[in-house]
Amino acid sequence: MQAINDFILAAAGQPWVLILVLACCVIDGFFPPIPSESVVVGLAAVAATADVPNPLLLIAVAALGAFTGDNTAYLIGRSVGTKRWRWMRGPRMQRAFRWAGGELRKRPASLILVARFVPIGRVAVNLTAGATHFSRPRFIGMTVLSATLWASYSVAIGLFFGQWFEHNHLLGAAIAIVCAIVLGILVDIAITRLRGRVPDPFSEG
């Protein structure tokens, strides 16, 4: 276990770790299986006691990656629409696209901000924004804010939970990641209930 902790500590201080964070956050903007939240939260948990990587730098890199990924998804949606590839044509994704299209017309600002915190939701919203030719300047401005909030939130969770595990970075990162996932689910449920007039696009009904 000590060897694993030493490895995590050594890796967290390497420049390539931030490149990995950037890549994960960019790809996650249009390909949700990439676990960008887990990477950011886990590294922040290590930073809580090891001071590497620098938390502010981690926020900046994660925000840049998230912004780039979201806007890449927008451009993909604008170029190919929401039915070009097979994974887009599935009933679950099509429900998400229809929901996102309706919400973008009614409350675009809150939708784009909230969707950044929901992996499948943000992909659906970003692609739909591009496909429906939502104002690109507005989308850029909103994703600057949403990416910054998301990165700050993810790092804050990691720092909070990681501080309790100074001598076990692996455990601290694991617990921080689990807590981030649970909090994300609770936030998603709370938002859905507060906005009960909006149907859940990801339900099987």
C-alpha atoms as a PDB file:
ATOM      1  CA  MET A   1       0.000   0.000   0.000  1.00  0.00           C
ATOM      2  CA  GLN A   2       2.830   2.388   0.773  1.00  0.00           C
ATOM      3  CA  ALA A   3       4.301   1.705  -2.653  1.00  0.00           C
ATOM      4  CA  ILE A   4       0.968   2.606  -4.257  1.00  0.00           C
ATOM      5  CA  ASN A   5       0.754   5.820  -2.260  1.00  0.00           C
ATOM      6  CA  ASP A   6       4.308   6.736  -3.220  1.00  0.00           C
ATOM      7  CA  PHE A   7       3.503   6.113  -6.879  1.00  0.00           C
ATOM      8  CA  ILE A   8       0.348   8.258  -6.732  1.00  0.00           C
ATOM      9  CA  LEU A   9       2.251  11.060  -5.047  1.00  0.00           C
ATOM     10  CA  ALA A  10       5.080  10.915  -7.591  1.00  0.00           C
ATOM     11  CA  ALA A  11       2.676  10.816 -10.543  1.00  0.00           C
ATOM     12  CA  ALA A  12       0.579  13.714  -9.233  1.00  0.00           C
ATOM     13  CA  GLY A  13       3.612  15.974  -9.375  1.00  0.00           C
ATOM     14  CA  GLN A  14       4.426  15.226 -13.018  1.00  0.00           C
ATOM     15  CA  PRO A  15       3.528  17.705 -15.803  1.00  0.00           C
ATOM     16  CA  TRP A  16       1.917  14.956 -17.908  1.00  0.00           C
ATOM     17  CA  VAL A  17      -0.818  14.590 -15.280  1.00  0.00           C
ATOM     18  CA  LEU A  18      -2.231  17.983 -16.235  1.00  0.00           C
ATOM     19  CA  ILE A  19      -2.084  16.991 -19.905  1.00  0.00           C
ATOM     20  CA  LEU A  20      -4.093  13.886 -18.982  1.00  0.00           C
ATOM     21  CA  VAL A  21      -6.644  16.067 -17.151  1.00  0.00           C
ATOM     22  CA  LEU A  22      -6.952  18.358 -20.159  1.00  0.00           C
ATOM     23  CA  ALA A  23      -7.420  15.442 -22.560  1.00  0.00           C
ATOM     24  CA  CYS A  24     -10.027  13.726 -20.369  1.00  0.00           C
ATOM     25  CA  CYS A  25     -12.035  16.920 -19.940  1.00  0.00           C
ATOM     26  CA  VAL A  26     -11.965  17.699 -23.659  1.00  0.00           C
ATOM     27  CA  ILE A  27     -13.066  14.213 -24.734  1.00  0.00           C
ATOM     28  CA  ASP A  28     -15.702  14.029 -21.995  1.00  0.00           C
ATOM     29  CA  GLY A  29     -17.463  17.003 -23.586  1.00  0.00           C
ATOM     30  CA  PHE A  30     -18.652  14.802 -26.457  1.00  0.00           C
ATOM     31  CA  PHE A  31     -17.910  11.239 -25.256  1.00  0.00           C
ATOM     32  CA  PRO A  32     -19.350  10.683 -21.733  1.00  0.00           C
ATOM     33  CA  PRO A  33     -17.658   7.312 -20.945  1.00  0.00           C
ATOM     34  CA  ILE A  34     -14.431   9.237 -20.263  1.00  0.00           C
ATOM     35  CA  PRO A  35     -14.473   9.859 -16.468  1.00  0.00           C
ATOM     36  CA  SER A  36     -13.200  13.429 -16.303  1.00  0.00           C
ATOM     37  CA  GLU A  37     -14.878  14.121 -12.941  1.00  0.00           C
ATOM     38  CA  SER A  38     -13.124  11.146 -11.362  1.00  0.00           C
ATOM     39  CA  VAL A  39      -9.731  12.257 -12.648  1.00  0.00           C
ATOM     40  CA  VAL A  40     -10.143  15.848 -11.436  1.00  0.00           C
ATOM     41  CA  VAL A  41     -11.629  14.934  -8.048  1.00  0.00           C
ATOM     42  CA  GLY A  42      -9.040  12.208  -7.449  1.00  0.00           C
ATOM     43  CA  LEU A  43      -6.112  14.510  -8.178  1.00  0.00           C
ATOM     44  CA  ALA A  44      -7.618  17.255  -6.032  1.00  0.00           C
ATOM     45  CA  ALA A  45      -7.871  14.784  -3.153  1.00  0.00           C
ATOM     46  CA  VAL A  46      -4.155  14.075  -3.482  1.00  0.00           C
ATOM     47  CA  ALA A  47      -3.422  17.807  -3.670  1.00  0.00           C
ATOM     48  CA  ALA A  48      -5.255  18.346  -0.379  1.00  0.00           C
ATOM     49  CA  THR A  49      -2.366  16.833   1.559  1.00  0.00           C
ATOM     50  CA  ALA A  50       0.500  16.596  -0.930  1.00  0.00           C
ATOM     51  CA  ASP A  51       0.203  20.059  -2.540  1.00  0.00           C
ATOM     52  CA  VAL A  52       0.581  18.525  -6.004  1.00  0.00           C
ATOM     53  CA  PRO A  53      -0.807  19.239  -8.458  1.00  0.00           C
ATOM     54  CA  ASN A  54      -1.454  22.890  -7.648  1.00  0.00           C
ATOM     55  CA  PRO A  55      -5.236  23.194  -7.033  1.00  0.00           C
ATOM     56  CA  LEU A  56      -5.590  26.513  -8.858  1.00  0.00           C
ATOM     57  CA  LEU A  57      -3.699  25.159 -11.850  1.00  0.00           C
ATOM     58  CA  LEU A  58      -5.863  22.034 -11.741  1.00  0.00           C
ATOM     59  CA  ILE A  59      -9.005  24.194 -11.828  1.00  0.00           C
ATOM     60  CA  ALA A  60      -7.657  26.193 -14.767  1.00  0.00           C
ATOM     61  CA  VAL A  61      -6.699  23.112 -16.790  1.00  0.00           C
ATOM     62  CA  ALA A  62      -9.962  21.291 -16.037  1.00  0.00           C
ATOM     63  CA  ALA A  63     -12.013  24.384 -16.930  1.00  0.00           C
ATOM     64  CA  LEU A  64     -10.107  24.843 -20.197  1.00  0.00           C
ATOM     65  CA  GLY A  65     -10.649  21.198 -21.088  1.00  0.00           C
ATOM     66  CA  ALA A  66     -14.348  21.298 -20.207  1.00  0.00           C
ATOM     67  CA  PHE A  67     -14.868  24.485 -22.213  1.00  0.00           C
ATOM     68  CA  THR A  68     -13.046  23.026 -25.215  1.00  0.00           C
ATOM     69  CA  GLY A  69     -14.959  19.751 -25.009  1.00  0.00           C
ATOM     70  CA  ASP A  70     -18.356  21.436 -24.748  1.00  0.00           C
ATOM     71  CA  ASN A  71     -17.646  23.681 -27.718  1.00  0.00           C
ATOM     72  CA  THR A  72     -16.290  20.760 -29.726  1.00  0.00           C
ATOM     73  CA  ALA A  73     -19.615  18.995 -29.125  1.00  0.00           C
ATOM     74  CA  TYR A  74     -21.419  22.146 -30.262  1.00  0.00           C
ATOM     75  CA  LEU A  75     -19.441  22.160 -33.504  1.00  0.00           C
ATOM     76  CA  ILE A  76     -20.100  18.441 -34.032  1.00  0.00           C
ATOM     77  CA  GLY A  77     -23.822  19.022 -33.573  1.00  0.00           C
ATOM     78  CA  ARG A  78     -23.739  21.949 -35.957  1.00  0.00           C
ATOM     79  CA  SER A  79     -21.889  19.897 -38.581  1.00  0.00           C
ATOM     80  CA  VAL A  80     -23.616  16.496 -38.402  1.00  0.00           C
ATOM     81  CA  GLY A  81     -26.827  17.032 -36.419  1.00  0.00           C
ATOM     82  CA  THR A  82     -28.150  14.531 -33.891  1.00  0.00           C
ATOM     83  CA  LYS A  83     -28.900  11.493 -36.063  1.00  0.00           C
ATOM     84  CA  ARG A  84     -25.727  10.874 -38.045  1.00  0.00           C
ATOM     85  CA  TRP A  85     -24.259   8.019 -35.989  1.00  0.00           C
ATOM     86  CA  ARG A  86     -25.922   4.915 -34.599  1.00  0.00           C
ATOM     87  CA  TRP A  87     -25.353   5.823 -30.947  1.00  0.00           C
ATOM     88  CA  MET A  88     -27.238   9.050 -31.561  1.00  0.00           C
ATOM     89  CA  ARG A  89     -30.283   7.266 -33.000  1.00  0.00           C
ATOM     90  CA  GLY A  90     -31.027   5.141 -29.941  1.00  0.00           C
ATOM     91  CA  PRO A  91     -34.331   5.913 -28.175  1.00  0.00           C
ATOM     92  CA  ARG A  92     -32.618   7.105 -24.994  1.00  0.00           C
ATOM     93  CA  MET A  93     -30.392   9.612 -26.783  1.00  0.00           C
ATOM     94  CA  GLN A  94     -33.209  10.780 -29.048  1.00  0.00           C
ATOM     95  CA  ARG A  95     -35.382  11.477 -25.986  1.00  0.00           C
ATOM     96  CA  ALA A  96     -32.484  13.431 -24.516  1.00  0.00           C
ATOM     97  CA  PHE A  97     -32.048  15.431 -27.730  1.00  0.00           C
ATOM     98  CA  ARG A  98     -35.759  16.256 -27.931  1.00  0.00           C
ATOM     99  CA  TRP A  99     -35.790  17.313 -24.282  1.00  0.00           C
ATOM    100  CA  ALA A 100     -32.665  19.444 -24.749  1.00  0.00           C
ATOM    101  CA  GLY A 101     -34.126  21.130 -27.822  1.00  0.00           C
ATOM    102  CA  GLY A 102     -37.284  22.105 -25.970  1.00  0.00           C
ATOM    103  CA  GLU A 103     -35.394  23.350 -22.934  1.00  0.00           C
ATOM    104  CA  LEU A 104     -32.935  25.375 -25.006  1.00  0.00           C
ATOM    105  CA  ARG A 105     -35.853  27.345 -26.386  1.00  0.00           C
ATOM    106  CA  LYS A 106     -37.302  28.032 -22.916  1.00  0.00           C
ATOM    107  CA  ARG A 107     -34.371  28.415 -20.494  1.00  0.00           C
ATOM    108  CA  PRO A 108     -31.009  28.136 -22.294  1.00  0.00           C
ATOM    109  CA  ALA A 109     -28.814  29.723 -19.625  1.00  0.00           C
ATOM    110  CA  SER A 110     -29.884  27.508 -16.719  1.00  0.00           C
ATOM    111  CA  LEU A 111     -29.913  24.415 -18.944  1.00  0.00           C
ATOM    112  CA  ILE A 112     -26.351  24.844 -20.183  1.00  0.00           C
ATOM    113  CA  LEU A 113     -25.080  25.593 -16.681  1.00  0.00           C
ATOM    114  CA  VAL A 114     -26.828  22.609 -15.075  1.00  0.00           C
ATOM    115  CA  ALA A 115     -26.095  20.182 -17.925  1.00  0.00           C
ATOM    116  CA  ARG A 116     -22.336  20.563 -17.412  1.00  0.00           C
ATOM    117  CA  PHE A 117     -22.733  18.617 -14.150  1.00  0.00           C
ATOM    118  CA  VAL A 118     -24.579  15.677 -15.784  1.00  0.00           C
ATOM    119  CA  PRO A 119     -22.346  13.563 -18.098  1.00  0.00           C
ATOM    120  CA  ILE A 120     -24.970  12.375 -20.610  1.00  0.00           C
ATOM    121  CA  GLY A 121     -26.971  15.562 -20.168  1.00  0.00           C
ATOM    122  CA  ARG A 122     -24.139  17.852 -21.193  1.00  0.00           C
ATOM    123  CA  VAL A 123     -23.411  15.850 -24.350  1.00  0.00           C
ATOM    124  CA  ALA A 124     -27.083  15.964 -25.370  1.00  0.00           C
ATOM    125  CA  VAL A 125     -27.360  19.689 -24.661  1.00  0.00           C
ATOM    126  CA  ASN A 126     -24.102  20.621 -26.388  1.00  0.00           C
ATOM    127  CA  LEU A 127     -24.854  18.601 -29.527  1.00  0.00           C
ATOM    128  CA  THR A 128     -28.425  19.896 -29.650  1.00  0.00           C
ATOM    129  CA  ALA A 129     -27.277  23.489 -29.243  1.00  0.00           C
ATOM    130  CA  GLY A 130     -25.100  23.086 -32.298  1.00  0.00           C
ATOM    131  CA  ALA A 131     -27.704  21.175 -34.314  1.00  0.00           C
ATOM    132  CA  THR A 132     -30.364  23.835 -33.652  1.00  0.00           C
ATOM    133  CA  HIS A 133     -27.927  26.664 -34.440  1.00  0.00           C
ATOM    134  CA  PHE A 134     -28.201  28.150 -30.970  1.00  0.00           C
ATOM    135  CA  SER A 135     -26.311  31.456 -30.879  1.00  0.00           C
ATOM    136  CA  ARG A 136     -22.633  30.567 -30.825  1.00  0.00           C
ATOM    137  CA  PRO A 137     -21.483  33.727 -28.963  1.00  0.00           C
ATOM    138  CA  ARG A 138     -24.075  33.046 -26.248  1.00  0.00           C
ATOM    139  CA  PHE A 139     -23.051  29.408 -26.046  1.00  0.00           C
ATOM    140  CA  ILE A 140     -19.376  30.342 -25.695  1.00  0.00           C
ATOM    141  CA  GLY A 141     -20.140  32.818 -22.912  1.00  0.00           C
ATOM    142  CA  MET A 142     -22.289  30.322 -21.017  1.00  0.00           C
ATOM    143  CA  THR A 143     -19.757  27.505 -21.340  1.00  0.00           C
ATOM    144  CA  VAL A 144     -16.984  29.737 -20.001  1.00  0.00           C
ATOM    145  CA  LEU A 145     -19.040  30.114 -16.827  1.00  0.00           C
ATOM    146  CA  SER A 146     -20.272  26.514 -16.644  1.00  0.00           C
ATOM    147  CA  ALA A 147     -16.788  25.054 -17.211  1.00  0.00           C
ATOM    148  CA  THR A 148     -15.292  27.277 -14.515  1.00  0.00           C
ATOM    149  CA  LEU A 149     -18.011  26.405 -11.998  1.00  0.00           C
ATOM    150  CA  TRP A 150     -17.742  22.683 -12.766  1.00  0.00           C
ATOM    151  CA  ALA A 151     -13.952  22.643 -12.428  1.00  0.00           C
ATOM    152  CA  SER A 152     -14.052  24.637  -9.175  1.00  0.00           C
ATOM    153  CA  TYR A 153     -16.765  22.364  -7.767  1.00  0.00           C
ATOM    154  CA  SER A 154     -14.883  19.171  -8.676  1.00  0.00           C
ATOM    155  CA  VAL A 155     -11.598  20.375  -7.181  1.00  0.00           C
ATOM    156  CA  ALA A 156     -13.361  21.649  -4.044  1.00  0.00           C
ATOM    157  CA  ILE A 157     -14.895  18.214  -3.434  1.00  0.00           C
ATOM    158  CA  GLY A 158     -11.521  16.537  -3.817  1.00  0.00           C
ATOM    159  CA  LEU A 159      -9.805  19.005  -1.497  1.00  0.00           C
ATOM    160  CA  PHE A 160     -12.495  18.674   1.157  1.00  0.00           C
ATOM    161  CA  PHE A 161     -12.510  14.893   1.369  1.00  0.00           C
ATOM    162  CA  GLY A 162      -8.834  14.393   0.599  1.00  0.00           C
ATOM    163  CA  GLN A 163      -7.661  16.398   3.601  1.00  0.00           C
ATOM    164  CA  TRP A 164      -8.725  13.595   5.966  1.00  0.00           C
ATOM    165  CA  PHE A 165      -6.411  11.005   4.416  1.00  0.00           C
ATOM    166  CA  GLU A 166      -2.938  12.488   4.601  1.00  0.00           C
ATOM    167  CA  HIS A 167      -1.203   9.120   4.792  1.00  0.00           C
ATOM    168  CA  ASN A 168      -3.361   7.215   2.324  1.00  0.00           C
ATOM    169  CA  HIS A 169      -3.728   9.088  -0.944  1.00  0.00           C
ATOM    170  CA  LEU A 170      -5.365   6.145  -2.713  1.00  0.00           C
ATOM    171  CA  LEU A 171      -8.128   5.866  -0.113  1.00  0.00           C
ATOM    172  CA  GLY A 172      -8.613   9.620  -0.013  1.00  0.00           C
ATOM    173  CA  ALA A 173      -8.971   9.819  -3.789  1.00  0.00           C
ATOM    174  CA  ALA A 174     -11.359   6.838  -3.866  1.00  0.00           C
ATOM    175  CA  ILE A 175     -13.623   8.260  -1.162  1.00  0.00           C
ATOM    176  CA  ALA A 176     -13.608  11.707  -2.763  1.00  0.00           C
ATOM    177  CA  ILE A 177     -14.604  10.206  -6.134  1.00  0.00           C
ATOM    178  CA  VAL A 178     -17.440   8.168  -4.590  1.00  0.00           C
ATOM    179  CA  CYS A 179     -18.709  11.221  -2.705  1.00  0.00           C
ATOM    180  CA  ALA A 180     -18.571  13.312  -5.882  1.00  0.00           C
ATOM    181  CA  ILE A 181     -20.646  10.712  -7.727  1.00  0.00           C
ATOM    182  CA  VAL A 182     -23.203  10.536  -4.916  1.00  0.00           C
ATOM    183  CA  LEU A 183     -23.441  14.324  -4.686  1.00  0.00           C
ATOM    184  CA  GLY A 184     -23.873  14.523  -8.450  1.00  0.00           C
ATOM    185  CA  ILE A 185     -26.759  12.060  -8.319  1.00  0.00           C
ATOM    186  CA  LEU A 186     -28.393  13.955  -5.440  1.00  0.00           C
ATOM    187  CA  VAL A 187     -28.016  17.278  -7.259  1.00  0.00           C
ATOM    188  CA  ASP A 188     -29.533  15.761 -10.404  1.00  0.00           C
ATOM    189  CA  ILE A 189     -32.500  14.364  -8.420  1.00  0.00           C
ATOM    190  CA  ALA A 190     -33.016  17.658  -6.597  1.00  0.00           C
ATOM    191  CA  ILE A 191     -32.998  19.658  -9.834  1.00  0.00           C
ATOM    192  CA  THR A 192     -35.424  17.226 -11.454  1.00  0.00           C
ATOM    193  CA  ARG A 193     -37.842  17.527  -8.513  1.00  0.00           C
ATOM    194  CA  LEU A 194     -37.575  21.314  -8.300  1.00  0.00           C
ATOM    195  CA  ARG A 195     -38.335  21.501 -11.984  1.00  0.00           C
ATOM    196  CA  GLY A 196     -40.928  18.759 -11.902  1.00  0.00           C
ATOM    197  CA  ARG A 197     -42.705  20.189 -14.902  1.00  0.00           C
ATOM    198  CA  VAL A 198     -39.804  18.961 -17.055  1.00  0.00           C
ATOM    199  CA  PRO A 199     -39.865  15.207 -17.804  1.00  0.00           C
ATOM    200  CA  ASP A 200     -36.729  13.164 -17.199  1.00  0.00           C
ATOM    201  CA  PRO A 201     -35.202  12.539 -20.677  1.00  0.00           C
ATOM    202  CA  PHE A 202     -33.241   9.539 -19.454  1.00  0.00           C
ATOM    203  CA  SER A 203     -36.083   7.529 -17.974  1.00  0.00           C
ATOM    204  CA  GLU A 204     -37.184   4.335 -19.657  1.00  0.00           C
ATOM    205  CA  GLY A 205     -40.798   5.454 -19.791  1.00  0.00           C
END
